[in-house]
Amino acid sequence: MAKPMIDPDALVSMFESATAQQGAQLKKAAADATLAALQGRELTLKNIRAALKSVSEAASAGAAKNISAGVDPQALLDNAVAGMDAALLKAVEANRVALGQLAAQGADLREKHLKKAIDDLDKFEDTMFAALKKTAEGAGAPLAGAWGQVLEKMQAGGTLSGAKASSTAEQFTEQMQTAMKTSRAAGLRAAQALAESYTAMVSGVLIGMSDALQSQAKKK
């Protein structure tokens, strides 16, 4: 699968020259860059973490050069994180669609790959937090405080993608457990019907044998 290249220099420049009024543009730029990094890779937690780290480092580098009067570095980073969160929401939706297709084809939780996909959804938020924490640790002193506040707020309130990922994982777990129970119930009903027909068949054979014996007795 070809990997679209994001332009980290362009992202650095945008955050470097951004004003306090450009929040929506920064959020969109971070979202687009994250999606570009994700779309050319398998959607594994490792690749998600790498994409988030690449985008957050570019935003951080730009913000570090933009610490001037009237520009709050935390606001710049908040917009970058919001953009990455928006991109991950699309990744969650992609997972939801794929899981729905698998469920429609009769897949269940006993399948290893499916169980891992659902387990990974529950780790989306932790993966994002780990990637941003790594970026924060590598940021210079001017941004240390801003990153600390961003991460503290994120840890306290969570992320939109994390909440959606967890609810999607829970929804499909319940759906597939119900499907498995329905399948087992159908199997039990089929087995019961077979057992009933078998006993009826045996009963019929027994009646036939009895009739034959009575017929032989009459002839004698």
N, C-alpha and C. Protein backbone atom coordinates (compact mmCIF):
# COMPACT_ATOMS: atom_id res chain seq x y z
N MET A 1 0.85 -1.20 0.00
CA MET A 1 0.00 0.00 0.00
C MET A 1 0.88 1.24 0.00
N ALA A 2 0.68 2.16 -0.94
CA ALA A 2 1.49 3.37 -1.01
C ALA A 2 1.19 4.27 0.17
N LYS A 3 2.23 4.92 0.66
CA LYS A 3 2.07 5.77 1.83
C LYS A 3 2.13 7.25 1.44
N PRO A 4 1.00 7.95 1.47
CA PRO A 4 1.03 9.37 1.15
C PRO A 4 1.93 10.10 2.13
N MET A 5 2.74 11.00 1.63
CA MET A 5 3.65 11.74 2.50
C MET A 5 2.97 13.00 3.00
N ILE A 6 3.06 13.24 4.30
CA ILE A 6 2.59 14.52 4.81
C ILE A 6 3.77 15.49 4.71
N ASP A 7 3.49 16.76 4.72
CA ASP A 7 4.53 17.77 4.61
C ASP A 7 4.73 18.42 5.97
N PRO A 8 5.64 17.88 6.79
CA PRO A 8 5.81 18.43 8.13
C PRO A 8 6.29 19.88 8.11
N ASP A 9 7.10 20.24 7.10
CA ASP A 9 7.60 21.62 7.03
C ASP A 9 6.45 22.61 6.84
N ALA A 10 5.48 22.22 6.01
CA ALA A 10 4.32 23.09 5.79
C ALA A 10 3.52 23.26 7.07
N LEU A 11 3.41 22.19 7.83
CA LEU A 11 2.67 22.24 9.09
C LEU A 11 3.42 23.10 10.11
N VAL A 12 4.75 22.94 10.16
CA VAL A 12 5.57 23.77 11.05
C VAL A 12 5.37 25.25 10.71
N SER A 13 5.44 25.57 9.43
CA SER A 13 5.30 26.96 8.99
C SER A 13 3.93 27.53 9.35
N MET A 14 2.91 26.71 9.20
CA MET A 14 1.55 27.18 9.48
C MET A 14 1.39 27.52 10.97
N PHE A 15 1.90 26.64 11.84
CA PHE A 15 1.79 26.89 13.27
C PHE A 15 2.73 28.02 13.71
N GLU A 16 3.82 28.19 12.99
CA GLU A 16 4.76 29.25 13.31
C GLU A 16 4.18 30.63 13.05
N SER A 17 3.39 30.74 11.97
CA SER A 17 2.86 32.05 11.59
C SER A 17 1.40 32.26 11.99
N ALA A 18 0.81 31.29 12.66
CA ALA A 18 -0.62 31.38 12.98
C ALA A 18 -0.91 32.49 13.99
N THR A 19 -2.09 33.06 13.84
CA THR A 19 -2.56 34.05 14.81
C THR A 19 -3.61 33.40 15.70
N ALA A 20 -4.01 34.12 16.72
CA ALA A 20 -5.00 33.59 17.66
C ALA A 20 -6.35 33.35 16.99
N GLN A 21 -6.59 33.99 15.85
CA GLN A 21 -7.88 33.86 15.17
C GLN A 21 -7.93 32.68 14.19
N GLN A 22 -6.85 31.94 14.05
CA GLN A 22 -6.79 30.89 13.03
C GLN A 22 -6.98 29.49 13.60
N GLY A 23 -7.68 29.38 14.70
CA GLY A 23 -7.87 28.09 15.35
C GLY A 23 -8.48 27.03 14.45
N ALA A 24 -9.54 27.41 13.72
CA ALA A 24 -10.23 26.45 12.85
C ALA A 24 -9.31 25.95 11.74
N GLN A 25 -8.48 26.85 11.20
CA GLN A 25 -7.55 26.46 10.13
C GLN A 25 -6.49 25.50 10.65
N LEU A 26 -6.00 25.78 11.86
CA LEU A 26 -4.98 24.91 12.45
C LEU A 26 -5.55 23.53 12.73
N LYS A 27 -6.78 23.50 13.24
CA LYS A 27 -7.42 22.21 13.53
C LYS A 27 -7.58 21.40 12.25
N LYS A 28 -8.03 22.05 11.17
CA LYS A 28 -8.22 21.36 9.89
C LYS A 28 -6.88 20.87 9.33
N ALA A 29 -5.86 21.70 9.46
CA ALA A 29 -4.55 21.31 8.94
C ALA A 29 -4.02 20.08 9.67
N ALA A 30 -4.18 20.06 10.99
CA ALA A 30 -3.72 18.91 11.78
C ALA A 30 -4.53 17.67 11.45
N ALA A 31 -5.84 17.85 11.26
CA ALA A 31 -6.71 16.72 10.91
C ALA A 31 -6.34 16.16 9.54
N ASP A 32 -6.15 17.04 8.57
CA ASP A 32 -5.80 16.60 7.21
C ASP A 32 -4.45 15.89 7.18
N ALA A 33 -3.49 16.42 7.91
CA ALA A 33 -2.15 15.82 7.95
C ALA A 33 -2.20 14.44 8.60
N THR A 34 -2.99 14.31 9.66
CA THR A 34 -3.11 13.02 10.34
C THR A 34 -3.78 12.00 9.43
N LEU A 35 -4.85 12.41 8.75
CA LEU A 35 -5.53 11.50 7.83
C LEU A 35 -4.61 11.08 6.68
N ALA A 36 -3.82 12.03 6.18
CA ALA A 36 -2.89 11.70 5.09
C ALA A 36 -1.88 10.66 5.55
N ALA A 37 -1.44 10.78 6.80
CA ALA A 37 -0.47 9.82 7.34
C ALA A 37 -1.10 8.45 7.58
N LEU A 38 -2.38 8.45 7.92
CA LEU A 38 -3.06 7.19 8.24
C LEU A 38 -3.55 6.45 7.00
N GLN A 39 -3.95 7.19 5.98
CA GLN A 39 -4.61 6.57 4.84
C GLN A 39 -3.69 5.66 4.03
N GLY A 40 -2.40 5.86 4.12
CA GLY A 40 -1.50 5.01 3.35
C GLY A 40 -0.93 3.84 4.13
N ARG A 41 -1.45 3.61 5.33
CA ARG A 41 -0.93 2.53 6.17
C ARG A 41 -2.05 1.62 6.65
N GLU A 42 -1.66 0.43 7.10
CA GLU A 42 -2.63 -0.41 7.80
C GLU A 42 -2.98 0.30 9.10
N LEU A 43 -4.24 0.22 9.48
CA LEU A 43 -4.69 0.99 10.63
C LEU A 43 -4.41 0.25 11.94
N THR A 44 -3.12 0.04 12.22
CA THR A 44 -2.71 -0.60 13.47
C THR A 44 -2.43 0.48 14.51
N LEU A 45 -2.40 0.08 15.78
CA LEU A 45 -2.09 1.04 16.84
C LEU A 45 -0.69 1.62 16.66
N LYS A 46 0.24 0.81 16.20
CA LYS A 46 1.61 1.27 15.98
C LYS A 46 1.65 2.38 14.93
N ASN A 47 0.92 2.19 13.83
CA ASN A 47 0.91 3.20 12.78
C ASN A 47 0.14 4.45 13.18
N ILE A 48 -0.91 4.26 13.97
CA ILE A 48 -1.65 5.42 14.49
C ILE A 48 -0.75 6.26 15.38
N ARG A 49 -0.01 5.58 16.26
CA ARG A 49 0.90 6.28 17.17
C ARG A 49 1.98 7.05 16.38
N ALA A 50 2.51 6.42 15.33
CA ALA A 50 3.54 7.07 14.52
C ALA A 50 3.00 8.31 13.81
N ALA A 51 1.76 8.20 13.27
CA ALA A 51 1.14 9.34 12.58
C ALA A 51 0.90 10.50 13.54
N LEU A 52 0.38 10.19 14.72
CA LEU A 52 0.11 11.23 15.72
C LEU A 52 1.40 11.89 16.19
N LYS A 53 2.43 11.10 16.35
CA LYS A 53 3.72 11.64 16.79
C LYS A 53 4.29 12.59 15.74
N SER A 54 4.21 12.19 14.48
CA SER A 54 4.73 13.02 13.38
C SER A 54 4.01 14.36 13.31
N VAL A 55 2.69 14.32 13.38
CA VAL A 55 1.90 15.56 13.27
C VAL A 55 2.08 16.43 14.51
N SER A 56 2.07 15.83 15.69
CA SER A 56 2.20 16.61 16.93
C SER A 56 3.59 17.25 17.04
N GLU A 57 4.62 16.56 16.55
CA GLU A 57 5.97 17.13 16.59
C GLU A 57 6.08 18.34 15.66
N ALA A 58 5.45 18.25 14.48
CA ALA A 58 5.47 19.39 13.54
C ALA A 58 4.72 20.59 14.13
N ALA A 59 3.55 20.32 14.72
CA ALA A 59 2.77 21.40 15.33
C ALA A 59 3.53 22.02 16.51
N SER A 60 4.18 21.17 17.27
CA SER A 60 4.93 21.63 18.43
C SER A 60 6.11 22.50 18.02
N ALA A 61 6.81 22.06 16.97
CA ALA A 61 7.96 22.82 16.49
C ALA A 61 7.53 24.20 15.99
N GLY A 62 6.40 24.25 15.29
CA GLY A 62 5.89 25.53 14.80
C GLY A 62 5.45 26.43 15.93
N ALA A 63 4.74 25.85 16.90
CA ALA A 63 4.26 26.63 18.04
C ALA A 63 5.41 27.21 18.85
N ALA A 64 6.51 26.46 18.95
CA ALA A 64 7.67 26.91 19.71
C ALA A 64 8.28 28.17 19.10
N LYS A 65 8.12 28.34 17.78
CA LYS A 65 8.65 29.51 17.09
C LYS A 65 7.66 30.68 17.08
N ASN A 66 6.49 30.43 17.65
CA ASN A 66 5.41 31.43 17.56
C ASN A 66 5.02 31.96 18.94
N ILE A 67 5.94 31.87 19.88
CA ILE A 67 5.64 32.36 21.22
C ILE A 67 5.88 33.87 21.22
N SER A 68 4.81 34.58 20.98
CA SER A 68 4.91 36.04 20.91
C SER A 68 3.68 36.65 21.59
N ALA A 69 3.69 37.93 21.71
CA ALA A 69 2.57 38.62 22.37
C ALA A 69 1.26 38.34 21.66
N GLY A 70 0.26 37.94 22.41
CA GLY A 70 -1.06 37.73 21.85
C GLY A 70 -1.30 36.33 21.31
N VAL A 71 -0.26 35.50 21.26
CA VAL A 71 -0.44 34.13 20.77
C VAL A 71 -0.14 33.17 21.92
N ASP A 72 -1.17 32.44 22.32
CA ASP A 72 -1.06 31.49 23.43
C ASP A 72 -0.61 30.13 22.89
N PRO A 73 0.57 29.66 23.27
CA PRO A 73 1.04 28.38 22.74
C PRO A 73 0.11 27.22 23.09
N GLN A 74 -0.53 27.29 24.25
CA GLN A 74 -1.46 26.20 24.62
C GLN A 74 -2.63 26.16 23.65
N ALA A 75 -3.12 27.34 23.21
CA ALA A 75 -4.24 27.38 22.26
C ALA A 75 -3.82 26.75 20.94
N LEU A 76 -2.59 27.02 20.51
CA LEU A 76 -2.10 26.41 19.27
C LEU A 76 -2.06 24.89 19.39
N LEU A 77 -1.56 24.41 20.51
CA LEU A 77 -1.47 22.96 20.72
C LEU A 77 -2.85 22.33 20.90
N ASP A 78 -3.74 23.06 21.56
CA ASP A 78 -5.12 22.56 21.71
C ASP A 78 -5.77 22.33 20.34
N ASN A 79 -5.53 23.26 19.43
CA ASN A 79 -6.10 23.12 18.08
C ASN A 79 -5.47 21.94 17.33
N ALA A 80 -4.18 21.75 17.53
CA ALA A 80 -3.50 20.61 16.89
C ALA A 80 -4.08 19.30 17.41
N VAL A 81 -4.26 19.22 18.72
CA VAL A 81 -4.80 18.00 19.33
C VAL A 81 -6.24 17.76 18.88
N ALA A 82 -7.02 18.85 18.80
CA ALA A 82 -8.41 18.72 18.34
C ALA A 82 -8.46 18.20 16.92
N GLY A 83 -7.53 18.65 16.08
CA GLY A 83 -7.48 18.17 14.70
C GLY A 83 -7.12 16.69 14.63
N MET A 84 -6.15 16.28 15.42
CA MET A 84 -5.76 14.87 15.44
C MET A 84 -6.91 14.01 15.97
N ASP A 85 -7.62 14.53 16.95
CA ASP A 85 -8.77 13.82 17.52
C ASP A 85 -9.86 13.64 16.45
N ALA A 86 -10.08 14.70 15.64
CA ALA A 86 -11.08 14.63 14.58
C ALA A 86 -10.69 13.58 13.53
N ALA A 87 -9.40 13.48 13.23
CA ALA A 87 -8.93 12.48 12.27
C ALA A 87 -9.15 11.07 12.82
N LEU A 88 -8.89 10.90 14.11
CA LEU A 88 -9.08 9.58 14.73
C LEU A 88 -10.56 9.19 14.77
N LEU A 89 -11.44 10.18 14.85
CA LEU A 89 -12.88 9.88 14.78
C LEU A 89 -13.22 9.19 13.46
N LYS A 90 -12.57 9.63 12.39
CA LYS A 90 -12.79 9.00 11.08
C LYS A 90 -12.21 7.59 11.07
N ALA A 91 -11.10 7.40 11.77
CA ALA A 91 -10.50 6.06 11.86
C ALA A 91 -11.43 5.12 12.64
N VAL A 92 -12.07 5.65 13.68
CA VAL A 92 -13.04 4.86 14.45
C VAL A 92 -14.21 4.47 13.56
N GLU A 93 -14.69 5.42 12.75
CA GLU A 93 -15.81 5.14 11.85
C GLU A 93 -15.43 4.07 10.83
N ALA A 94 -14.18 4.13 10.35
CA ALA A 94 -13.71 3.11 9.41
C ALA A 94 -13.73 1.73 10.06
N ASN A 95 -13.32 1.67 11.33
CA ASN A 95 -13.37 0.42 12.07
C ASN A 95 -14.80 -0.06 12.25
N ARG A 96 -15.71 0.88 12.54
CA ARG A 96 -17.11 0.51 12.76
C ARG A 96 -17.71 -0.10 11.51
N VAL A 97 -17.42 0.51 10.35
CA VAL A 97 -17.94 -0.01 9.09
C VAL A 97 -17.37 -1.41 8.80
N ALA A 98 -16.06 -1.57 9.01
CA ALA A 98 -15.43 -2.87 8.75
C ALA A 98 -15.97 -3.94 9.68
N LEU A 99 -16.16 -3.60 10.95
CA LEU A 99 -16.70 -4.57 11.90
C LEU A 99 -18.13 -4.95 11.52
N GLY A 100 -18.89 -3.97 11.06
CA GLY A 100 -20.26 -4.24 10.64
C GLY A 100 -20.31 -5.21 9.48
N GLN A 101 -19.38 -5.06 8.55
CA GLN A 101 -19.32 -5.98 7.40
C GLN A 101 -18.96 -7.39 7.85
N LEU A 102 -18.01 -7.48 8.78
CA LEU A 102 -17.62 -8.80 9.30
C LEU A 102 -18.78 -9.46 10.04
N ALA A 103 -19.47 -8.67 10.84
CA ALA A 103 -20.60 -9.20 11.61
C ALA A 103 -21.70 -9.70 10.66
N ALA A 104 -21.93 -8.94 9.58
CA ALA A 104 -22.95 -9.33 8.61
C ALA A 104 -22.60 -10.64 7.91
N GLN A 105 -21.30 -10.92 7.83
CA GLN A 105 -20.85 -12.16 7.18
C GLN A 105 -20.79 -13.33 8.16
N GLY A 106 -21.21 -13.09 9.40
CA GLY A 106 -21.29 -14.18 10.37
C GLY A 106 -20.08 -14.35 11.27
N ALA A 107 -19.16 -13.36 11.27
CA ALA A 107 -17.98 -13.46 12.14
C ALA A 107 -18.41 -13.36 13.61
N ASP A 108 -17.64 -13.97 14.49
CA ASP A 108 -17.95 -13.84 15.92
C ASP A 108 -16.67 -13.66 16.71
N LEU A 109 -16.83 -13.41 18.02
CA LEU A 109 -15.71 -13.03 18.87
C LEU A 109 -14.69 -14.15 19.08
N ARG A 110 -15.00 -15.35 18.65
CA ARG A 110 -14.03 -16.43 18.79
C ARG A 110 -12.92 -16.31 17.75
N GLU A 111 -13.12 -15.44 16.75
CA GLU A 111 -12.10 -15.24 15.74
C GLU A 111 -11.06 -14.25 16.25
N LYS A 112 -9.79 -14.66 16.22
CA LYS A 112 -8.69 -13.92 16.83
C LYS A 112 -8.56 -12.50 16.29
N HIS A 113 -8.62 -12.34 14.97
CA HIS A 113 -8.42 -11.02 14.37
C HIS A 113 -9.54 -10.05 14.74
N LEU A 114 -10.74 -10.57 14.82
CA LEU A 114 -11.87 -9.74 15.18
C LEU A 114 -11.77 -9.28 16.64
N LYS A 115 -11.41 -10.19 17.51
CA LYS A 115 -11.27 -9.84 18.93
C LYS A 115 -10.18 -8.79 19.12
N LYS A 116 -9.10 -8.93 18.37
CA LYS A 116 -8.00 -7.95 18.47
C LYS A 116 -8.46 -6.57 17.97
N ALA A 117 -9.23 -6.55 16.90
CA ALA A 117 -9.73 -5.27 16.36
C ALA A 117 -10.57 -4.53 17.40
N ILE A 118 -11.42 -5.29 18.10
CA ILE A 118 -12.27 -4.67 19.13
C ILE A 118 -11.44 -4.24 20.33
N ASP A 119 -10.47 -5.07 20.72
CA ASP A 119 -9.59 -4.71 21.83
C ASP A 119 -8.79 -3.45 21.51
N ASP A 120 -8.32 -3.35 20.25
CA ASP A 120 -7.52 -2.18 19.85
C ASP A 120 -8.34 -0.89 19.90
N LEU A 121 -9.62 -0.97 19.59
CA LEU A 121 -10.47 0.23 19.66
C LEU A 121 -10.46 0.81 21.07
N ASP A 122 -10.46 -0.05 22.04
CA ASP A 122 -10.44 0.41 23.43
C ASP A 122 -9.13 1.10 23.79
N LYS A 123 -8.12 0.93 22.95
CA LYS A 123 -6.79 1.50 23.24
C LYS A 123 -6.50 2.77 22.43
N PHE A 124 -7.46 3.24 21.65
CA PHE A 124 -7.24 4.42 20.82
C PHE A 124 -6.81 5.63 21.66
N GLU A 125 -7.54 5.90 22.73
CA GLU A 125 -7.24 7.09 23.53
C GLU A 125 -5.88 6.97 24.21
N ASP A 126 -5.58 5.81 24.75
CA ASP A 126 -4.27 5.60 25.39
C ASP A 126 -3.14 5.77 24.38
N THR A 127 -3.38 5.31 23.14
CA THR A 127 -2.38 5.44 22.08
C THR A 127 -2.13 6.91 21.76
N MET A 128 -3.20 7.68 21.67
CA MET A 128 -3.07 9.11 21.39
C MET A 128 -2.33 9.82 22.52
N PHE A 129 -2.69 9.50 23.74
CA PHE A 129 -2.06 10.14 24.89
C PHE A 129 -0.57 9.80 24.94
N ALA A 130 -0.22 8.55 24.66
CA ALA A 130 1.18 8.13 24.69
C ALA A 130 1.99 8.86 23.62
N ALA A 131 1.40 9.03 22.43
CA ALA A 131 2.10 9.72 21.34
C ALA A 131 2.34 11.19 21.69
N LEU A 132 1.32 11.84 22.24
CA LEU A 132 1.45 13.26 22.59
C LEU A 132 2.40 13.46 23.77
N LYS A 133 2.37 12.52 24.69
CA LYS A 133 3.29 12.61 25.83
C LYS A 133 4.74 12.52 25.36
N LYS A 134 4.97 11.66 24.38
CA LYS A 134 6.32 11.51 23.82
C LYS A 134 6.76 12.81 23.16
N THR A 135 5.85 13.44 22.42
CA THR A 135 6.16 14.73 21.79
C THR A 135 6.44 15.79 22.85
N ALA A 136 5.63 15.80 23.91
CA ALA A 136 5.79 16.79 24.98
C ALA A 136 7.15 16.64 25.67
N GLU A 137 7.57 15.39 25.83
CA GLU A 137 8.86 15.14 26.49
C GLU A 137 10.03 15.66 25.65
N GLY A 138 9.82 15.68 24.33
CA GLY A 138 10.89 16.14 23.44
C GLY A 138 10.83 17.63 23.14
N ALA A 139 9.78 18.29 23.60
CA ALA A 139 9.63 19.72 23.33
C ALA A 139 10.57 20.53 24.23
N GLY A 140 10.95 21.68 23.74
CA GLY A 140 11.84 22.54 24.52
C GLY A 140 11.13 23.21 25.69
N ALA A 141 11.90 23.87 26.50
CA ALA A 141 11.39 24.52 27.71
C ALA A 141 10.23 25.49 27.46
N PRO A 142 10.25 26.27 26.39
CA PRO A 142 9.14 27.23 26.21
C PRO A 142 7.77 26.57 26.11
N LEU A 143 7.74 25.32 25.62
CA LEU A 143 6.45 24.65 25.41
C LEU A 143 6.12 23.63 26.50
N ALA A 144 7.03 23.39 27.40
CA ALA A 144 6.81 22.35 28.42
C ALA A 144 5.54 22.60 29.22
N GLY A 145 5.36 23.85 29.65
CA GLY A 145 4.17 24.19 30.44
C GLY A 145 2.89 24.05 29.63
N ALA A 146 2.95 24.51 28.37
CA ALA A 146 1.75 24.43 27.51
C ALA A 146 1.37 22.98 27.25
N TRP A 147 2.34 22.14 26.94
CA TRP A 147 2.05 20.72 26.71
C TRP A 147 1.52 20.07 27.99
N GLY A 148 2.07 20.45 29.13
CA GLY A 148 1.61 19.89 30.40
C GLY A 148 0.14 20.18 30.62
N GLN A 149 -0.29 21.41 30.31
CA GLN A 149 -1.70 21.79 30.47
C GLN A 149 -2.59 21.05 29.48
N VAL A 150 -2.11 20.91 28.25
CA VAL A 150 -2.88 20.21 27.22
C VAL A 150 -3.10 18.75 27.62
N LEU A 151 -2.04 18.10 28.06
CA LEU A 151 -2.15 16.69 28.44
C LEU A 151 -3.01 16.50 29.68
N GLU A 152 -2.89 17.44 30.63
CA GLU A 152 -3.70 17.36 31.85
C GLU A 152 -5.18 17.47 31.53
N LYS A 153 -5.50 18.42 30.65
CA LYS A 153 -6.91 18.61 30.24
C LYS A 153 -7.42 17.39 29.48
N MET A 154 -6.57 16.85 28.63
CA MET A 154 -6.96 15.68 27.84
C MET A 154 -7.20 14.47 28.73
N GLN A 155 -6.34 14.29 29.72
CA GLN A 155 -6.48 13.15 30.61
C GLN A 155 -7.73 13.28 31.48
N ALA A 156 -8.05 14.51 31.86
CA ALA A 156 -9.22 14.74 32.71
C ALA A 156 -10.53 14.60 31.94
N GLY A 157 -10.57 15.14 30.72
CA GLY A 157 -11.83 15.14 29.96
C GLY A 157 -11.96 14.08 28.90
N GLY A 158 -10.85 13.44 28.56
CA GLY A 158 -10.89 12.42 27.51
C GLY A 158 -10.94 13.05 26.13
N THR A 159 -11.06 12.21 25.13
CA THR A 159 -11.12 12.68 23.74
C THR A 159 -12.40 12.19 23.09
N LEU A 160 -12.83 12.87 22.04
CA LEU A 160 -14.04 12.46 21.32
C LEU A 160 -13.81 11.09 20.65
N SER A 161 -12.63 10.93 20.06
CA SER A 161 -12.35 9.66 19.37
C SER A 161 -12.25 8.51 20.36
N GLY A 162 -11.68 8.79 21.54
CA GLY A 162 -11.56 7.74 22.55
C GLY A 162 -12.91 7.27 23.04
N ALA A 163 -13.81 8.24 23.29
CA ALA A 163 -15.16 7.90 23.74
C ALA A 163 -15.91 7.11 22.68
N LYS A 164 -15.79 7.57 21.42
CA LYS A 164 -16.48 6.89 20.32
C LYS A 164 -15.92 5.49 20.09
N ALA A 165 -14.59 5.37 20.20
CA ALA A 165 -13.96 4.06 20.01
C ALA A 165 -14.42 3.07 21.06
N SER A 166 -14.46 3.52 22.31
CA SER A 166 -14.89 2.63 23.40
C SER A 166 -16.34 2.21 23.25
N SER A 167 -17.21 3.16 22.87
CA SER A 167 -18.63 2.82 22.71
C SER A 167 -18.83 1.89 21.51
N THR A 168 -18.02 2.07 20.46
CA THR A 168 -18.10 1.19 19.29
C THR A 168 -17.67 -0.22 19.66
N ALA A 169 -16.58 -0.31 20.43
CA ALA A 169 -16.10 -1.63 20.87
C ALA A 169 -17.14 -2.33 21.73
N GLU A 170 -17.75 -1.57 22.64
CA GLU A 170 -18.78 -2.14 23.52
C GLU A 170 -20.00 -2.59 22.73
N GLN A 171 -20.39 -1.77 21.77
CA GLN A 171 -21.57 -2.07 20.94
C GLN A 171 -21.38 -3.38 20.18
N PHE A 172 -20.21 -3.54 19.55
CA PHE A 172 -19.99 -4.73 18.74
C PHE A 172 -19.76 -5.97 19.60
N THR A 173 -19.16 -5.77 20.77
CA THR A 173 -19.00 -6.91 21.68
C THR A 173 -20.36 -7.45 22.08
N GLU A 174 -21.27 -6.54 22.47
CA GLU A 174 -22.62 -6.95 22.86
C GLU A 174 -23.36 -7.56 21.68
N GLN A 175 -23.23 -6.94 20.51
CA GLN A 175 -23.94 -7.42 19.32
C GLN A 175 -23.49 -8.84 18.96
N MET A 176 -22.20 -9.08 19.04
CA MET A 176 -21.69 -10.39 18.63
C MET A 176 -21.92 -11.45 19.70
N GLN A 177 -21.91 -11.03 20.96
CA GLN A 177 -22.25 -11.98 22.02
C GLN A 177 -23.71 -12.41 21.88
N THR A 178 -24.58 -11.45 21.54
CA THR A 178 -25.99 -11.78 21.31
C THR A 178 -26.14 -12.72 20.13
N ALA A 179 -25.37 -12.42 19.06
CA ALA A 179 -25.43 -13.28 17.87
C ALA A 179 -24.96 -14.69 18.18
N MET A 180 -23.92 -14.80 19.02
CA MET A 180 -23.41 -16.12 19.39
C MET A 180 -24.44 -16.88 20.22
N LYS A 181 -25.12 -16.15 21.14
CA LYS A 181 -26.15 -16.79 21.95
C LYS A 181 -27.31 -17.25 21.08
N THR A 182 -27.69 -16.39 20.11
CA THR A 182 -28.77 -16.75 19.19
C THR A 182 -28.39 -17.97 18.38
N SER A 183 -27.13 -18.00 17.95
CA SER A 183 -26.63 -19.13 17.16
C SER A 183 -26.66 -20.42 17.98
N ARG A 184 -26.21 -20.29 19.24
CA ARG A 184 -26.22 -21.47 20.12
C ARG A 184 -27.65 -21.93 20.39
N ALA A 185 -28.55 -20.96 20.60
CA ALA A 185 -29.96 -21.30 20.86
C ALA A 185 -30.56 -22.00 19.64
N ALA A 186 -30.21 -21.50 18.45
CA ALA A 186 -30.72 -22.12 17.22
C ALA A 186 -30.18 -23.54 17.10
N GLY A 187 -28.92 -23.71 17.47
CA GLY A 187 -28.31 -25.04 17.44
C GLY A 187 -28.98 -25.99 18.40
N LEU A 188 -29.29 -25.47 19.58
CA LEU A 188 -29.97 -26.30 20.58
C LEU A 188 -31.37 -26.69 20.10
N ARG A 189 -32.06 -25.71 19.49
CA ARG A 189 -33.41 -26.02 18.98
C ARG A 189 -33.35 -27.07 17.88
N ALA A 190 -32.34 -26.95 17.01
CA ALA A 190 -32.20 -27.93 15.93
C ALA A 190 -31.90 -29.31 16.50
N ALA A 191 -31.03 -29.34 17.52
CA ALA A 191 -30.69 -30.62 18.14
C ALA A 191 -31.91 -31.23 18.83
N GLN A 192 -32.70 -30.36 19.47
CA GLN A 192 -33.91 -30.83 20.15
C GLN A 192 -34.92 -31.38 19.13
N ALA A 193 -35.06 -30.64 18.01
CA ALA A 193 -35.99 -31.10 16.97
C ALA A 193 -35.53 -32.44 16.40
N LEU A 194 -34.22 -32.57 16.23
CA LEU A 194 -33.67 -33.83 15.72
C LEU A 194 -33.93 -34.96 16.70
N ALA A 195 -33.72 -34.65 17.98
CA ALA A 195 -33.95 -35.66 19.01
C ALA A 195 -35.41 -36.08 19.04
N GLU A 196 -36.30 -35.08 18.92
CA GLU A 196 -37.73 -35.39 18.94
C GLU A 196 -38.12 -36.24 17.73
N SER A 197 -37.58 -35.87 16.58
CA SER A 197 -37.93 -36.65 15.38
C SER A 197 -37.32 -38.05 15.46
N TYR A 198 -36.15 -38.13 16.09
CA TYR A 198 -35.52 -39.45 16.24
C TYR A 198 -36.36 -40.36 17.13
N THR A 199 -36.82 -39.82 18.26
CA THR A 199 -37.65 -40.63 19.15
C THR A 199 -38.95 -41.00 18.49
N ALA A 200 -39.49 -40.06 17.68
CA ALA A 200 -40.72 -40.36 16.95
C ALA A 200 -40.47 -41.48 15.94
N MET A 201 -39.28 -41.38 15.31
CA MET A 201 -38.94 -42.41 14.33
C MET A 201 -38.80 -43.77 15.02
N VAL A 202 -38.11 -43.76 16.15
CA VAL A 202 -37.95 -45.01 16.91
C VAL A 202 -39.30 -45.53 17.34
N SER A 203 -40.18 -44.62 17.76
CA SER A 203 -41.53 -45.01 18.18
C SER A 203 -42.28 -45.65 17.02
N GLY A 204 -42.11 -45.06 15.82
CA GLY A 204 -42.76 -45.61 14.64
C GLY A 204 -42.23 -46.99 14.30
N VAL A 205 -40.93 -47.17 14.42
CA VAL A 205 -40.33 -48.48 14.17
C VAL A 205 -40.86 -49.49 15.17
N LEU A 206 -40.94 -49.03 16.42
CA LEU A 206 -41.42 -49.93 17.47
C LEU A 206 -42.87 -50.34 17.20
N ILE A 207 -43.71 -49.37 16.79
CA ILE A 207 -45.10 -49.68 16.46
C ILE A 207 -45.16 -50.67 15.29
N GLY A 208 -44.32 -50.44 14.30
CA GLY A 208 -44.27 -51.34 13.15
C GLY A 208 -43.87 -52.74 13.56
N MET A 209 -42.87 -52.81 14.44
CA MET A 209 -42.43 -54.13 14.92
C MET A 209 -43.54 -54.80 15.70
N SER A 210 -44.24 -54.02 16.48
CA SER A 210 -45.32 -54.56 17.29
C SER A 210 -46.46 -55.08 16.41
N ASP A 211 -46.79 -54.31 15.37
CA ASP A 211 -47.84 -54.73 14.43
C ASP A 211 -47.43 -56.02 13.72
N ALA A 212 -46.16 -56.09 13.35
CA ALA A 212 -45.67 -57.30 12.66
C ALA A 212 -45.76 -58.52 13.58
N LEU A 213 -45.42 -58.33 14.83
CA LEU A 213 -45.47 -59.43 15.79
C LEU A 213 -46.90 -59.88 15.99
N GLN A 214 -47.80 -58.88 16.10
CA GLN A 214 -49.22 -59.22 16.30
C GLN A 214 -49.74 -59.96 15.08
N SER A 215 -49.35 -59.55 13.90
CA SER A 215 -49.79 -60.20 12.66
C SER A 215 -49.31 -61.65 12.61
N GLN A 216 -48.04 -61.84 13.02
CA GLN A 216 -47.49 -63.21 13.03
C GLN A 216 -48.23 -64.06 14.04
N ALA A 217 -48.60 -63.48 15.18
CA ALA A 217 -49.29 -64.25 16.23
C ALA A 217 -50.67 -64.68 15.75
N LYS A 218 -51.34 -63.79 15.00
CA LYS A 218 -52.67 -64.12 14.50
C LYS A 218 -52.60 -65.27 13.48
N LYS A 219 -51.55 -65.23 12.64
CA LYS A 219 -51.40 -66.28 11.64
C LYS A 219 -51.18 -67.62 12.31
N LYS A 220 -50.43 -67.63 13.41
CA LYS A 220 -50.22 -68.87 14.11
C LYS A 220 -51.51 -69.35 14.75
